[in-house]
Every structure is written in structure tokens, then in C-alpha cells.
């Protein structure tokens, strides 16, 4: 078991939130050019880890202003049981408030050139991305969930973003039947453009710190993601 409590060195920005403390923290990077479209990066259940920070850095290298909110308030773990507990202790409504604050903060940053932001999330974060897009409406221009979907009662009628999803055909925790049903519900309830892609890979195939990493699928999904964000975040 390995975690840090309320002292994550990756935190470099603080923004207003409707959470109990009134603020939240995150990790922000801008591109070398100094400005670009805004992208929210939503963590897996491990927390704001070096791997998540690396995703933010990679988006910045691609020309985006990227922000990963720290939804666990500084805690990280590499232990699945502890990650499950962290997730259970994270009320979805609090996560949504912190993420909404992150959207407001990123749109107000002088480096952000886009009128809407993209939301990209992995596993737990993938589910949160779709929920956030449904709650935030016009403020989310592009939503990209990776191997994560919200519960079957989620209301997608408020979603206005274009949606691109990445899912593993060998993912035992996110069955493809549920993925296809979610795709259908998002499209029917919101009228949005929805494109869920599948890959010959297991769950968490993008995370190069985990044994399920599959380079070919990860790089293909990444290339599709950056092209999609550039198209929809003018």
C-alpha cells in the first residue's frame, strides 16, 4: 500500500469549487507556444499519479492547455483495494462539483484559446467525463471516455459535446454490451455525434505503468483523440 495524503507534489494550481472546502487542486501544463485549446484530464482510480501527470504533459506537447483535477485531495495509491476505497469515498456529486470548477477555471485561463473545453478520462475518469459533459452542456465541446461508462440511469439529455470513446474488446470490467448500450443511449438522448471505438486490448490499455498496457492500441487511440480534439475545439 502506497499513498500520499493531502501533499501531492504534482498539484500546481488551485481553483474554486463547490466542494466543502470551497476549492480544489490540480496539475496544469500549457504548450511551449504559450496557448492552445483547453482539455480537462480525469484520473483513473489510482489518483493524480505520475502517469496522469504524464498524460497532461503529453497533451501540452501536442499544443493543448491541459488540467488534471486532483479528485482525491492529494492521495494516490498503487493498491487496488485502497483504490476501491478511495473511489467509494468519492461522492459522484462532489467529483462533479470539482470538475465543474475545473472547467470554469480552464476556460478563464488566458492561455486557453477555445470557447469550450475537451474532457478526457480513463476508467473511473471515463465515466466521469460523460457525466460531466451531460451536466455542463455547451461548455464541453468534445468528450473522450477511455474504458469507463457511467451507470445505466445516467441522463445524457444535456450533453452537447461530440463524443469519441475507446474501449478494449478484452475488458472484463466494462463489457462491450454495456458499452454499446451506453453509446445508443447517449446518441438517442442527446442527439450528439457519438463514436465508440474498440481495440484488441484489455482494460486500462493506455496506462503504461500497468500490466495491461498495449502500445499499438494505446498509440492509435491517442492519435484519434488528439485529432478529434483539434477538430472540435476551435
Protein backbone atom coordinates (compact mmCIF):
# COMPACT_ATOMS: atom_id res chain seq x y z
CA UNK A 1 0.00 0.00 0.00
CA UNK A 2 1.42 3.36 -1.01
CA UNK A 3 -0.30 6.70 -0.83
CA UNK A 4 0.25 10.36 -0.13
CA UNK A 5 -2.30 12.29 1.95
CA UNK A 6 -3.05 15.91 1.04
CA UNK A 7 0.51 16.63 -0.17
CA UNK A 8 0.65 15.60 -3.80
CA UNK A 9 3.71 17.29 -5.32
CA UNK A 10 2.02 17.29 -8.72
CA UNK A 11 -0.50 19.92 -7.58
CA UNK A 12 0.49 23.28 -9.08
CA UNK A 13 -2.83 25.17 -9.33
CA UNK A 14 -5.80 25.83 -7.05
CA UNK A 15 -9.26 26.73 -8.29
CA UNK A 16 -12.70 27.46 -6.88
CA UNK A 17 -15.00 24.52 -6.33
CA UNK A 18 -18.44 23.96 -4.83
CA UNK A 19 -16.95 21.24 -2.60
CA UNK A 20 -16.97 21.65 1.19
CA UNK A 21 -13.58 23.38 1.28
CA UNK A 22 -14.58 25.77 -1.50
CA UNK A 23 -11.51 24.94 -3.57
CA UNK A 24 -9.75 22.11 -5.36
CA UNK A 25 -6.26 21.46 -6.68
CA UNK A 26 -4.85 20.15 -9.93
CA UNK A 27 -1.93 19.84 -12.28
CA UNK A 28 -1.82 22.30 -15.21
CA UNK A 29 0.52 22.47 -18.19
CA UNK A 30 0.47 24.83 -21.17
CA UNK A 31 2.20 24.18 -24.50
CA UNK A 32 5.56 25.73 -25.37
CA UNK A 33 3.71 28.16 -27.66
CA UNK A 34 2.02 29.57 -24.57
CA UNK A 35 -1.60 28.96 -25.56
CA UNK A 36 -3.98 26.40 -27.05
CA UNK A 37 -7.34 24.66 -26.69
CA UNK A 38 -8.27 23.57 -23.17
CA UNK A 39 -8.52 19.93 -22.09
CA UNK A 40 -9.58 18.51 -18.71
CA UNK A 41 -7.87 15.17 -17.92
CA UNK A 42 -9.76 13.00 -15.43
CA UNK A 43 -7.74 10.47 -13.45
CA UNK A 44 -8.13 6.73 -13.04
CA UNK A 45 -8.98 5.42 -9.58
CA UNK A 46 -5.29 5.44 -8.60
CA UNK A 47 -5.35 9.23 -8.11
CA UNK A 48 -3.30 12.05 -9.62
CA UNK A 49 -0.28 9.83 -10.29
CA UNK A 50 2.89 10.38 -12.30
CA UNK A 51 1.16 8.57 -15.16
CA UNK A 52 -1.76 11.04 -15.16
CA UNK A 53 0.67 13.96 -14.96
CA UNK A 54 2.44 12.41 -17.94
CA UNK A 55 -0.81 12.47 -19.92
CA UNK A 56 -1.18 16.18 -19.10
CA UNK A 57 2.42 16.78 -20.22
CA UNK A 58 1.78 14.89 -23.44
CA UNK A 59 -1.31 16.96 -24.22
CA UNK A 60 0.75 20.12 -23.62
CA UNK A 61 3.38 18.83 -26.04
CA UNK A 62 0.57 18.40 -28.59
CA UNK A 63 -0.45 22.06 -28.23
CA UNK A 64 -3.22 21.86 -25.62
CA UNK A 65 -3.60 23.62 -22.27
CA UNK A 66 -4.28 20.59 -20.05
CA UNK A 67 -5.54 20.39 -16.47
CA UNK A 68 -5.90 17.26 -14.32
CA UNK A 69 -8.03 18.00 -11.22
CA UNK A 70 -6.89 16.10 -8.13
CA UNK A 71 -10.14 14.42 -7.13
CA UNK A 72 -8.62 12.58 -4.15
CA UNK A 73 -7.20 15.70 -2.47
CA UNK A 74 -3.59 14.57 -2.69
CA UNK A 75 -3.94 10.84 -2.16
CA UNK A 76 -2.55 8.29 -4.61
CA UNK A 77 -2.20 4.52 -4.45
CA UNK A 78 -0.92 1.52 -6.37
CA UNK A 79 -3.09 -0.90 -4.38
CA UNK A 80 -6.39 -1.98 -5.94
CA UNK A 81 -8.21 -2.42 -2.62
CA UNK A 82 -7.17 1.04 -1.48
CA UNK A 83 -8.16 2.49 -4.86
CA UNK A 84 -11.58 0.88 -4.46
CA UNK A 85 -11.91 2.54 -1.05
CA UNK A 86 -10.84 5.94 -2.41
CA UNK A 87 -13.46 5.63 -5.14
CA UNK A 88 -16.14 4.61 -2.65
CA UNK A 89 -15.28 7.67 -0.53
CA UNK A 90 -15.63 9.99 -3.53
CA UNK A 91 -19.29 11.02 -3.81
CA UNK A 92 -20.11 11.49 -7.51
CA UNK A 93 -21.74 14.83 -6.78
CA UNK A 94 -18.56 16.13 -5.12
CA UNK A 95 -16.44 14.93 -8.02
CA UNK A 96 -18.83 16.67 -10.43
CA UNK A 97 -18.54 19.92 -8.45
CA UNK A 98 -14.74 19.80 -8.53
CA UNK A 99 -14.77 19.00 -12.25
CA UNK A 100 -17.23 21.83 -12.96
CA UNK A 101 -14.89 24.19 -11.12
CA UNK A 102 -12.02 22.91 -13.25
CA UNK A 103 -13.99 23.66 -16.42
CA UNK A 104 -14.69 27.23 -15.26
CA UNK A 105 -11.06 27.73 -14.26
CA UNK A 106 -9.64 26.37 -17.52
CA UNK A 107 -12.00 28.44 -19.69
CA UNK A 108 -10.95 31.57 -17.79
CA UNK A 109 -7.21 30.94 -18.13
CA UNK A 110 -5.59 33.43 -20.53
CA UNK A 111 -3.69 30.57 -22.20
CA UNK A 112 -6.92 28.82 -23.24
CA UNK A 113 -7.91 29.72 -26.81
CA UNK A 114 -11.02 27.52 -27.17
CA UNK A 115 -14.54 28.68 -26.32
CA UNK A 116 -15.28 25.18 -24.97
CA UNK A 117 -13.03 22.57 -23.37
CA UNK A 118 -12.41 18.94 -24.07
CA UNK A 119 -12.79 16.31 -21.35
CA UNK A 120 -10.69 13.15 -21.49
CA UNK A 121 -10.88 10.50 -18.78
CA UNK A 122 -9.67 6.99 -18.06
CA UNK A 123 -11.53 4.16 -16.30
CA UNK A 124 -13.34 5.91 -13.41
CA UNK A 125 -12.47 9.16 -15.17
CA UNK A 126 -14.06 7.97 -18.39
CA UNK A 127 -17.37 7.54 -16.62
CA UNK A 128 -16.99 10.97 -15.01
CA UNK A 129 -16.28 12.55 -18.43
CA UNK A 130 -19.65 11.51 -19.83
CA UNK A 131 -21.45 12.63 -16.66
CA UNK A 132 -19.60 15.97 -16.73
CA UNK A 133 -20.45 16.52 -20.40
CA UNK A 134 -24.12 15.84 -19.65
CA UNK A 135 -24.06 18.33 -16.75
CA UNK A 136 -22.01 21.07 -18.43
CA UNK A 137 -23.77 21.15 -21.78
CA UNK A 138 -22.33 23.70 -24.20
CA UNK A 139 -19.16 24.22 -22.15
CA UNK A 140 -17.79 20.79 -23.14
CA UNK A 141 -17.04 20.68 -26.87
CA UNK A 142 -15.51 17.21 -27.00
CA UNK A 143 -15.73 14.25 -24.61
CA UNK A 144 -13.37 11.28 -24.78
CA UNK A 145 -14.02 8.43 -22.33
CA UNK A 146 -11.44 5.62 -22.24
CA UNK A 147 -12.77 2.27 -20.93
CA UNK A 148 -15.23 3.79 -18.50
CA UNK A 149 -19.00 4.34 -18.62
CA UNK A 150 -21.41 5.78 -16.02
CA UNK A 151 -24.35 3.94 -14.52
CA UNK A 152 -27.34 2.85 -16.61
CA UNK A 153 -29.63 5.53 -15.18
CA UNK A 154 -27.42 8.48 -16.20
CA UNK A 155 -29.35 11.21 -18.02
CA UNK A 156 -27.45 12.32 -21.15
CA UNK A 157 -30.09 14.73 -22.43
CA UNK A 158 -27.98 17.78 -21.53
CA UNK A 159 -24.88 16.56 -23.38
CA UNK A 160 -23.84 18.76 -26.33
CA UNK A 161 -20.28 17.56 -26.90
CA UNK A 162 -19.08 15.38 -29.73
CA UNK A 163 -18.10 12.04 -28.16
CA UNK A 164 -15.27 9.66 -29.05
CA UNK A 165 -14.81 6.59 -26.84
CA UNK A 166 -12.05 3.97 -26.61
CA UNK A 167 -12.82 0.50 -25.22
CA UNK A 168 -11.00 -2.84 -25.02
CA UNK A 169 -12.53 -5.93 -26.57
CA UNK A 170 -10.87 -7.98 -23.80
CA UNK A 171 -12.09 -5.73 -20.97
CA UNK A 172 -13.79 -7.94 -18.38
CA UNK A 173 -14.84 -4.98 -16.20
CA UNK A 174 -16.55 -2.92 -18.92
CA UNK A 175 -18.49 -5.39 -21.11
CA UNK A 176 -18.96 -4.43 -24.75
CA UNK A 177 -22.73 -4.98 -24.48
CA UNK A 178 -22.86 -2.24 -21.83
CA UNK A 179 -20.59 -0.04 -23.95
CA UNK A 180 -22.89 -0.35 -26.98
CA UNK A 181 -25.96 0.30 -24.86
CA UNK A 182 -24.34 3.44 -23.44
CA UNK A 183 -23.43 4.59 -26.94
CA UNK A 184 -27.02 4.13 -28.03
CA UNK A 185 -28.41 5.99 -25.01
CA UNK A 186 -26.02 8.94 -25.39
CA UNK A 187 -26.92 9.28 -29.08
CA UNK A 188 -30.67 8.95 -28.57
CA UNK A 189 -30.94 11.19 -25.50
CA UNK A 190 -28.60 13.97 -26.62
CA UNK A 191 -28.61 13.81 -30.42
CA UNK A 192 -24.83 14.17 -30.22
CA UNK A 193 -22.29 12.71 -32.62
CA UNK A 194 -21.07 9.57 -30.80
CA UNK A 195 -18.31 7.23 -31.97
CA UNK A 196 -17.23 4.40 -29.65
CA UNK A 197 -14.15 2.56 -30.95
CA UNK A 198 -12.95 -0.86 -29.80
CA UNK A 199 -9.43 -2.28 -29.68
CA UNK A 200 -7.94 -5.78 -29.29
CA UNK A 201 -6.88 -4.95 -25.75
CA UNK A 202 -7.84 -5.35 -22.07
CA UNK A 203 -8.93 -2.70 -19.57
CA UNK A 204 -6.53 0.22 -18.96
CA UNK A 205 -4.59 -0.43 -22.16
CA UNK A 206 -3.27 3.15 -22.28
CA UNK A 207 -1.66 3.11 -18.81
CA UNK A 208 2.00 2.23 -19.40
CA UNK A 209 2.51 1.75 -15.65
CA UNK A 210 0.12 -1.21 -15.61
CA UNK A 211 0.48 -4.75 -16.99
CA UNK A 212 -2.48 -4.28 -19.37
CA UNK A 213 -0.65 -1.62 -21.42
CA UNK A 214 -0.85 -2.31 -25.16
CA UNK A 215 1.33 0.09 -27.12
CA UNK A 216 -0.26 -0.33 -30.55
CA UNK A 217 -3.84 0.19 -29.33
CA UNK A 218 -2.75 2.99 -27.00
CA UNK A 219 -0.98 4.96 -29.71
CA UNK A 220 -3.81 4.52 -32.23
CA UNK A 221 -6.38 5.72 -29.67
CA UNK A 222 -4.12 8.65 -28.72
CA UNK A 223 -3.74 9.78 -32.34
CA UNK A 224 -7.51 9.58 -32.82
CA UNK A 225 -8.05 11.56 -29.60
CA UNK A 226 -5.75 14.46 -30.46
CA UNK A 227 -7.18 14.74 -33.99
CA UNK A 228 -10.71 14.68 -32.56
CA UNK A 229 -9.93 17.38 -30.00
CA UNK A 230 -8.35 19.62 -32.62
CA UNK A 231 -11.41 19.23 -34.83
CA UNK A 232 -13.96 20.08 -32.15
CA UNK A 233 -12.12 22.66 -30.02
CA UNK A 234 -11.81 25.54 -32.42
